[in-house]
Each structure stands twice: as C-alpha cells, then as structure tokens.
Amino acid sequence: MILTALTHFLNTVPTSPSHNHTKKSYRLHSHTTTLSKSNQVSDSKPTSIIINNQSRTCECFDLYNELVPYDKAWDWQKQILKEKKGLIEKNQDCQDTLIILQHHPVYTLGTGSSEEYLNFDIKDAPYDVYRTERGGEVTYHGPGQLVMYPIINLRNHKMDLHWYLRALEEVVFRVLSSTFSIKASRLEGFTGVWVGDKKVAAVGIRVSQWITYHGLALNVNTDLTPFHSIVPCGIRNRQVGSIKGLLGEFQPSTECGKADVVHSNDCQLIDITHSSLIKEFSEVFQLEILHKTISMSEFEDTTPRRSLTWKLT
C-alpha cells in the first residue's frame, strides 16, 4: 500500500457509505475479565510510571469512510494486541496503532453490562448484539459515527487508566472546540463527552498488560433513533446528541470563523471531523501519525491476521 500524508480538508467529497436497516440475529461473545471501573477493564497492575514519549510514531489504519462489520474490527484489534504482546515478551519495541472507521448498525455490551438497559427482547434484537470485554454499559454504533480504536502501549505514555480515559475525552473536547466552537464538558461520575445534557461521545476501553484496545465513538451525523431502543451507557434521563444536531441548534457567528461548517453536508462533516480527530489525537498523545490506507475489499477479502499487516506495512 502507498503511505499517504494526512490531509485536513479534502478537495473532493467522497460518497457517504450506505446501509439498509435490516434485522439481525443476536450474537453473544463472552469473556472472563476483571471489571475495575465502569468504562474500563484491565488486567494490568496499577502504577504511576511515566515513560518519555518523544518522537514516537503511530500507524493509522484509516477506514473512516467505510462501514466495517463490528466482529471483523473486533477480531482485528485482538490480533494486533496479540502481536504487540509478543513483541513485548521478546523485549522488542512495538509501534502504537490507531484504527478509525464506521460500523454497520450494532449494539455492544461491556463485560459487566446489564440486559435491563435493553428496551427490546434480546432474542428479537433489531440489530446484532455483542457482549465484549470492554468496560461500560450498552451503546450503539452505526453510520455517521466515527469510532477510534487506539491500540497503544501505555508503558510509552503513562501507566494510569484514569489518565488514559481523560486523554481520550480530551481529544474530543479539542475537536469540538477547535473545529466547531462547541463547548463540551464532563459529567461527574460518568465517562464520556457531554454538551449540556447530551452525550456526544462514548468511551469504553480494555487494557491488557498495559496495551489498550476498544476506544471512543463520536456521533457526527448519526441517526440517533436506534439509541431509543436502549438506555445508552446505562444512564437514564439523559439524551444522546450529535455534532450535526448541535450545529443545527447554534446560530452561526461571523466572529468565530467556524460558520461555514454549519452548512457542510453530511459527507463534508464526516471528513472535517475525521481530520480533526486525527490531528488532536496526535497532539494529545504526542505521536507522529503514519497514515495508511486499506480498501474495504482488501479488508473483507483478507482476514486481518499477520499476513494483512505485512501487506499494509
């Protein structure tokens, strides 16, 4: 594959991925894990060691404008995790990895999630349902939502799960502020990013031997209707929002210099948010992004095992 430079605003607008809302069968994946926090699961011992992160690189596999089946992306994360663990066992350095994509409609549960937060019969679910090993309660993924899966070695950053969760939230705060002039906040006692009483980004992670996977999901122009069938993240009496919805509520200001994004179409809004997410991720984690591309046909035709990684690098 050809290594491409990261661009912030694309000259052409790609076609938005399409999908049909079809009913899916329920699939259950079970894992034995230790739950340490509502949105984090870890089998790593706590420590406060900080390791210098200067001049580190991060490979970015970019499928941001594609709809990727959840199970394939999940398997891909676990394979990359396995490879990184193998390198560490051999005392070899392992490069950080970032995957960014969209998913077909799907509901996911954390390892300790309660089915009481599902407003449907799990045997007749409107979409696939997966129980994963991440922390947190039920959430929805679908078109118009950008999902970031950082698979990074916290030994090279800060070996502190609270710091990591706050860093992921900080990425979204910066995107909303710098690109859209939207002021976001945290809600005490909960993980994620909020604008007023609306949650626009969910965060749920797993950390194994100080290597992270799973990550964050930011609603850009997501159809929020599927969230009505669940209690998102197990938080009642709160709403879910999207960047598109929030922009529609604001009156553009000629002074802020961001008025043009309010009039962006859905494809442009995804493009703009994607570029900002990668930029802010790079700055928050102090990583140089090595931007790589992979076509959907390659992803679907080849199981994301070691052979795929070789092809891409």
Protein backbone atom coordinates (compact mmCIF):
# COMPACT_ATOMS: atom_id res chain seq x y z
CA MET A 1 0.00 0.00 0.00
CA ILE A 2 1.08 3.55 -0.61
CA LEU A 3 1.72 5.60 2.50
CA THR A 4 -0.34 8.79 2.24
CA ALA A 5 0.11 12.08 4.02
CA LEU A 6 -2.62 13.22 6.38
CA THR A 7 -4.81 15.94 4.91
CA HIS A 8 -7.13 18.16 6.92
CA PHE A 9 -9.76 19.29 4.45
CA LEU A 10 -10.32 17.19 1.36
CA ASN A 11 -10.72 18.77 -2.06
CA THR A 12 -13.28 16.20 -3.12
CA VAL A 13 -16.26 14.89 -1.18
CA PRO A 14 -16.40 11.07 -1.11
CA THR A 15 -19.67 9.23 -1.34
CA SER A 16 -21.21 8.56 2.05
CA PRO A 17 -21.49 4.86 2.95
CA SER A 18 -24.98 3.47 2.55
CA HIS A 19 -26.77 0.83 4.56
CA ASN A 20 -30.15 -0.81 4.95
CA HIS A 21 -31.77 -1.11 8.38
CA THR A 22 -32.26 -4.86 8.42
CA LYS A 23 -32.99 -7.05 11.38
CA LYS A 24 -30.01 -9.07 12.55
CA SER A 25 -29.67 -12.19 14.66
CA TYR A 26 -28.36 -11.96 18.22
CA ARG A 27 -24.76 -12.99 18.75
CA LEU A 28 -23.20 -13.36 22.17
CA HIS A 29 -19.46 -13.28 22.77
CA SER A 30 -18.44 -13.97 26.37
CA HIS A 31 -15.11 -13.23 28.02
CA THR A 32 -13.80 -13.69 31.55
CA THR A 33 -12.45 -10.38 32.77
CA THR A 34 -11.99 -8.28 35.87
CA LEU A 35 -14.08 -5.11 36.00
CA SER A 36 -12.21 -2.26 37.62
CA LYS A 37 -14.19 0.83 36.52
CA SER A 38 -17.49 1.46 34.77
CA ASN A 39 -15.87 2.17 31.41
CA GLN A 40 -12.53 0.45 31.77
CA VAL A 41 -11.45 -3.15 32.16
CA SER A 42 -7.86 -4.03 32.95
CA ASP A 43 -5.66 -6.97 33.82
CA SER A 44 -2.68 -4.65 34.35
CA LYS A 45 -1.23 -3.80 37.75
CA PRO A 46 -1.57 -0.13 38.80
CA THR A 47 1.47 2.11 38.66
CA SER A 48 2.30 5.76 38.14
CA ILE A 49 5.37 5.35 35.93
CA ILE A 50 5.69 7.81 33.07
CA ILE A 51 7.95 7.00 30.12
CA ASN A 52 9.28 9.62 27.74
CA ASN A 53 7.20 9.63 24.56
CA GLN A 54 9.24 11.97 22.38
CA SER A 55 9.46 11.18 18.66
CA ARG A 56 7.21 8.13 18.83
CA THR A 57 5.12 7.13 15.84
CA CYS A 58 1.65 5.64 15.46
CA GLU A 59 0.44 3.74 12.41
CA CYS A 60 -3.10 4.78 11.48
CA PHE A 61 -5.25 2.36 9.52
CA ASP A 62 -7.91 4.58 8.05
CA LEU A 63 -11.33 3.23 7.08
CA TYR A 64 -13.18 6.31 8.29
CA ASN A 65 -15.44 6.48 5.24
CA GLU A 66 -16.29 2.78 5.24
CA LEU A 67 -18.81 0.67 7.15
CA VAL A 68 -16.86 -2.14 8.80
CA PRO A 69 -18.64 -5.13 10.41
CA TYR A 70 -18.15 -4.94 14.17
CA ASP A 71 -16.92 -8.52 14.55
CA LYS A 72 -14.20 -8.05 11.92
CA ALA A 73 -12.90 -4.88 13.56
CA TRP A 74 -13.02 -6.55 16.96
CA ASP A 75 -11.02 -9.55 15.74
CA TRP A 76 -8.54 -7.20 14.08
CA GLN A 77 -7.95 -5.34 17.35
CA LYS A 78 -7.35 -8.58 19.24
CA GLN A 79 -4.89 -9.83 16.63
CA ILE A 80 -2.91 -6.58 16.77
CA LEU A 81 -2.99 -6.78 20.57
CA LYS A 82 -1.61 -10.32 20.44
CA GLU A 83 1.21 -9.25 18.14
CA LYS A 84 2.18 -6.36 20.40
CA LYS A 85 2.24 -8.62 23.44
CA GLY A 86 4.53 -10.98 21.56
CA LEU A 87 6.96 -8.16 20.79
CA ILE A 88 6.99 -7.02 24.40
CA GLU A 89 7.68 -10.57 25.62
CA LYS A 90 10.74 -10.54 23.35
CA ASN A 91 11.77 -7.16 24.80
CA GLN A 92 11.14 -5.53 21.42
CA ASP A 93 9.54 -2.14 20.92
CA CYS A 94 6.05 -2.11 19.45
CA GLN A 95 4.65 0.79 17.46
CA ASP A 96 1.33 2.28 18.57
CA THR A 97 -1.66 1.69 16.29
CA LEU A 98 -4.84 3.65 15.61
CA ILE A 99 -7.83 2.30 13.69
CA ILE A 100 -10.56 4.72 12.67
CA LEU A 101 -13.78 3.61 10.97
CA GLN A 102 -17.56 3.47 10.99
CA HIS A 103 -19.68 0.42 11.78
CA HIS A 104 -22.78 -1.19 10.40
CA PRO A 105 -25.63 -0.77 12.93
CA VAL A 106 -24.83 -2.80 16.03
CA TYR A 107 -25.35 -2.79 19.79
CA THR A 108 -22.44 -3.65 22.06
CA LEU A 109 -22.39 -4.54 25.75
CA GLY A 110 -19.49 -4.24 28.16
CA THR A 111 -18.23 -7.21 30.13
CA GLY A 112 -20.40 -6.34 33.11
CA SER A 113 -23.34 -4.80 31.24
CA SER A 114 -26.88 -5.47 32.38
CA GLU A 115 -29.53 -6.51 29.88
CA GLU A 116 -32.05 -4.38 31.79
CA TYR A 117 -30.79 -1.46 29.71
CA LEU A 118 -32.09 -3.09 26.52
CA ASN A 119 -35.58 -1.94 25.58
CA PHE A 120 -36.17 -4.98 23.38
CA ASP A 121 -36.25 -8.75 23.61
CA ILE A 122 -32.66 -9.82 23.12
CA LYS A 123 -33.90 -12.83 21.11
CA ASP A 124 -35.53 -10.45 18.65
CA ALA A 125 -32.96 -7.65 18.55
CA PRO A 126 -33.25 -5.05 15.77
CA TYR A 127 -29.51 -5.35 15.09
CA ASP A 128 -26.63 -7.62 16.07
CA VAL A 129 -25.77 -7.51 19.77
CA TYR A 130 -22.26 -8.27 21.02
CA ARG A 131 -21.05 -8.71 24.56
CA THR A 132 -17.46 -7.53 24.58
CA GLU A 133 -14.62 -7.35 27.08
CA ARG A 134 -14.62 -3.54 27.32
CA GLY A 135 -15.93 -1.61 30.30
CA GLY A 136 -19.20 0.28 30.31
CA GLU A 137 -22.83 -0.47 29.56
CA VAL A 138 -24.71 -0.87 26.29
CA THR A 139 -24.15 1.51 23.40
CA TYR A 140 -24.96 1.75 19.70
CA HIS A 141 -22.59 2.04 16.74
CA GLY A 142 -23.71 2.93 13.25
CA PRO A 143 -23.19 5.03 10.13
CA GLY A 144 -22.34 8.66 10.77
CA GLN A 145 -20.44 7.82 13.96
CA LEU A 146 -16.64 7.88 13.87
CA VAL A 147 -15.04 5.19 16.01
CA MET A 148 -11.40 5.32 17.09
CA TYR A 149 -9.63 2.21 18.35
CA PRO A 150 -6.20 3.15 19.77
CA ILE A 151 -4.08 0.07 20.41
CA ILE A 152 -1.23 1.69 22.28
CA ASN A 153 1.37 0.62 24.79
CA LEU A 154 0.80 2.71 27.91
CA ARG A 155 4.36 1.91 29.03
CA ASN A 156 5.37 4.55 26.47
CA HIS A 157 2.84 7.09 27.70
CA LYS A 158 1.53 6.96 31.27
CA MET A 159 0.62 3.75 33.03
CA ASP A 160 -2.56 5.16 34.53
CA LEU A 161 -6.02 4.17 33.31
CA HIS A 162 -7.70 7.30 34.63
CA TRP A 163 -5.19 9.42 32.72
CA TYR A 164 -5.88 7.41 29.56
CA LEU A 165 -9.66 7.83 29.80
CA ARG A 166 -9.30 11.57 30.39
CA ALA A 167 -6.88 11.79 27.43
CA LEU A 168 -9.42 10.17 25.10
CA GLU A 169 -12.06 12.61 26.29
CA GLU A 170 -9.61 15.47 25.77
CA VAL A 171 -9.24 14.50 22.12
CA VAL A 172 -12.98 15.01 21.62
CA PHE A 173 -13.05 18.22 23.67
CA ARG A 174 -10.42 19.70 21.37
CA VAL A 175 -12.20 18.57 18.21
CA LEU A 176 -15.48 20.13 19.29
CA SER A 177 -13.83 23.36 20.44
CA SER A 178 -11.24 23.98 17.73
CA THR A 179 -13.24 22.81 14.73
CA PHE A 180 -16.86 23.56 15.67
CA SER A 181 -16.67 26.11 18.51
CA ILE A 182 -18.75 23.75 20.64
CA LYS A 183 -18.05 23.82 24.37
CA ALA A 184 -18.20 20.34 25.88
CA SER A 185 -17.79 19.08 29.42
CA ARG A 186 -17.55 16.01 31.61
CA LEU A 187 -20.43 14.76 33.72
CA GLU A 188 -19.32 13.96 37.25
CA GLY A 189 -19.28 10.24 37.91
CA PHE A 190 -19.52 9.27 34.23
CA THR A 191 -17.11 8.71 31.37
CA GLY A 192 -17.63 10.39 28.02
CA VAL A 193 -18.11 13.83 26.49
CA TRP A 194 -21.23 15.92 27.05
CA VAL A 195 -22.71 19.10 25.62
CA GLY A 196 -25.35 20.18 28.10
CA ASP A 197 -27.36 17.07 28.91
CA LYS A 198 -26.49 15.36 25.62
CA LYS A 199 -23.75 12.77 25.35
CA VAL A 200 -21.94 13.13 22.03
CA ALA A 201 -19.05 10.70 22.60
CA ALA A 202 -18.86 7.41 24.46
CA VAL A 203 -15.64 5.91 25.81
CA GLY A 204 -15.14 2.26 26.76
CA ILE A 205 -11.78 0.53 26.96
CA ARG A 206 -9.98 -2.66 27.77
CA VAL A 207 -6.32 -2.70 28.84
CA SER A 208 -4.31 -5.92 28.82
CA GLN A 209 -0.71 -5.91 30.02
CA TRP A 210 -0.77 -2.13 29.60
CA ILE A 211 -1.86 -2.32 25.96
CA THR A 212 -5.17 -0.64 25.17
CA TYR A 213 -7.94 -1.58 22.80
CA HIS A 214 -11.57 -0.63 22.17
CA GLY A 215 -11.81 3.18 22.49
CA LEU A 216 -14.20 6.02 21.70
CA ALA A 217 -17.20 6.70 19.46
CA LEU A 218 -18.16 10.22 18.38
CA ASN A 219 -21.61 10.92 16.92
CA VAL A 220 -21.12 13.13 13.87
CA ASN A 221 -24.27 12.86 11.76
CA THR A 222 -25.54 9.63 13.28
CA ASP A 223 -29.19 8.64 13.07
CA LEU A 224 -29.94 8.70 16.80
CA THR A 225 -33.16 6.67 16.53
CA PRO A 226 -31.52 3.31 17.46
CA PHE A 227 -30.45 4.82 20.79
CA HIS A 228 -34.15 4.94 21.73
CA SER A 229 -34.13 1.13 21.97
CA ILE A 230 -31.55 1.14 24.76
CA VAL A 231 -30.57 3.10 27.85
CA PRO A 232 -27.27 4.41 26.42
CA CYS A 233 -24.36 3.65 28.73
CA GLY A 234 -26.91 2.79 31.42
CA ILE A 235 -27.63 6.48 32.09
CA ARG A 236 -31.34 7.27 32.40
CA ASN A 237 -32.90 10.70 31.95
CA ARG A 238 -30.08 11.86 29.68
CA GLN A 239 -30.04 12.37 25.95
CA VAL A 240 -27.67 11.43 23.14
CA GLY A 241 -26.53 14.11 20.71
CA SER A 242 -24.52 14.52 17.53
CA ILE A 243 -22.31 17.21 16.07
CA LYS A 244 -24.80 17.76 13.25
CA GLY A 245 -27.66 18.18 15.70
CA LEU A 246 -25.70 20.56 17.88
CA LEU A 247 -24.66 22.69 14.91
CA GLY A 248 -28.29 22.92 13.90
CA GLU A 249 -29.13 24.36 17.31
CA PHE A 250 -26.50 27.10 17.13
CA GLN A 251 -26.71 30.37 15.26
CA PRO A 252 -23.50 30.77 13.24
CA SER A 253 -21.32 33.66 14.37
CA THR A 254 -19.34 35.67 11.85
CA GLU A 255 -16.74 36.27 14.53
CA CYS A 256 -15.92 32.67 15.37
CA GLY A 257 -14.68 31.75 11.89
CA LYS A 258 -16.49 28.40 12.04
CA ALA A 259 -19.80 29.40 10.48
CA ASP A 260 -19.06 27.52 7.25
CA VAL A 261 -19.12 24.11 8.96
CA VAL A 262 -22.76 24.62 9.91
CA HIS A 263 -23.63 24.46 6.21
CA SER A 264 -21.49 21.40 5.48
CA ASN A 265 -23.28 18.37 4.06
CA ASP A 266 -23.05 15.02 5.82
CA CYS A 267 -20.04 13.80 3.83
CA GLN A 268 -18.11 17.01 4.43
CA LEU A 269 -18.96 16.92 8.13
CA ILE A 270 -17.51 13.41 8.43
CA ASP A 271 -14.38 14.50 6.51
CA ILE A 272 -13.84 17.57 8.69
CA THR A 273 -14.39 15.67 11.93
CA HIS A 274 -12.13 12.82 10.85
CA SER A 275 -9.23 15.14 10.05
CA SER A 276 -9.66 16.99 13.33
CA LEU A 277 -9.83 13.76 15.34
CA ILE A 278 -6.52 12.51 13.97
CA LYS A 279 -4.85 15.90 14.47
CA GLU A 280 -6.00 16.20 18.08
CA PHE A 281 -5.18 12.56 18.85
CA SER A 282 -1.66 13.16 17.58
CA GLU A 283 -1.25 16.23 19.78
CA VAL A 284 -2.80 14.82 22.96
CA PHE A 285 -0.73 11.63 22.82
CA GLN A 286 2.33 13.34 21.29
CA LEU A 287 2.54 10.88 18.42
CA GLU A 288 3.57 11.28 14.81
CA ILE A 289 0.82 9.72 12.70
CA LEU A 290 1.93 7.42 9.88
CA HIS A 291 -1.21 7.45 7.80
CA LYS A 292 -2.01 4.21 5.99
CA THR A 293 -4.96 3.27 3.86
CA ILE A 294 -6.71 -0.02 3.30
CA SER A 295 -9.54 -0.62 0.86
CA MET A 296 -12.73 -2.23 2.06
CA SER A 297 -12.31 -5.02 -0.49
CA GLU A 298 -8.88 -5.85 0.95
CA PHE A 299 -10.30 -5.80 4.46
CA GLU A 300 -13.18 -8.12 3.56
CA ASP A 301 -11.17 -10.47 1.36
CA THR A 302 -8.36 -11.00 3.83
CA THR A 303 -8.75 -11.98 7.45
CA PRO A 304 -6.86 -9.30 9.39
CA ARG A 305 -4.05 -11.56 10.52
CA ARG A 306 -0.31 -11.14 10.33
CA SER A 307 -0.35 -11.51 6.52
CA LEU A 308 -2.60 -8.43 6.24
CA THR A 309 -0.28 -6.39 8.44
CA TRP A 310 2.64 -7.31 6.20
CA LYS A 311 0.74 -6.23 3.13
CA LEU A 312 -0.10 -2.87 4.67
CA THR A 313 3.31 -2.01 6.03
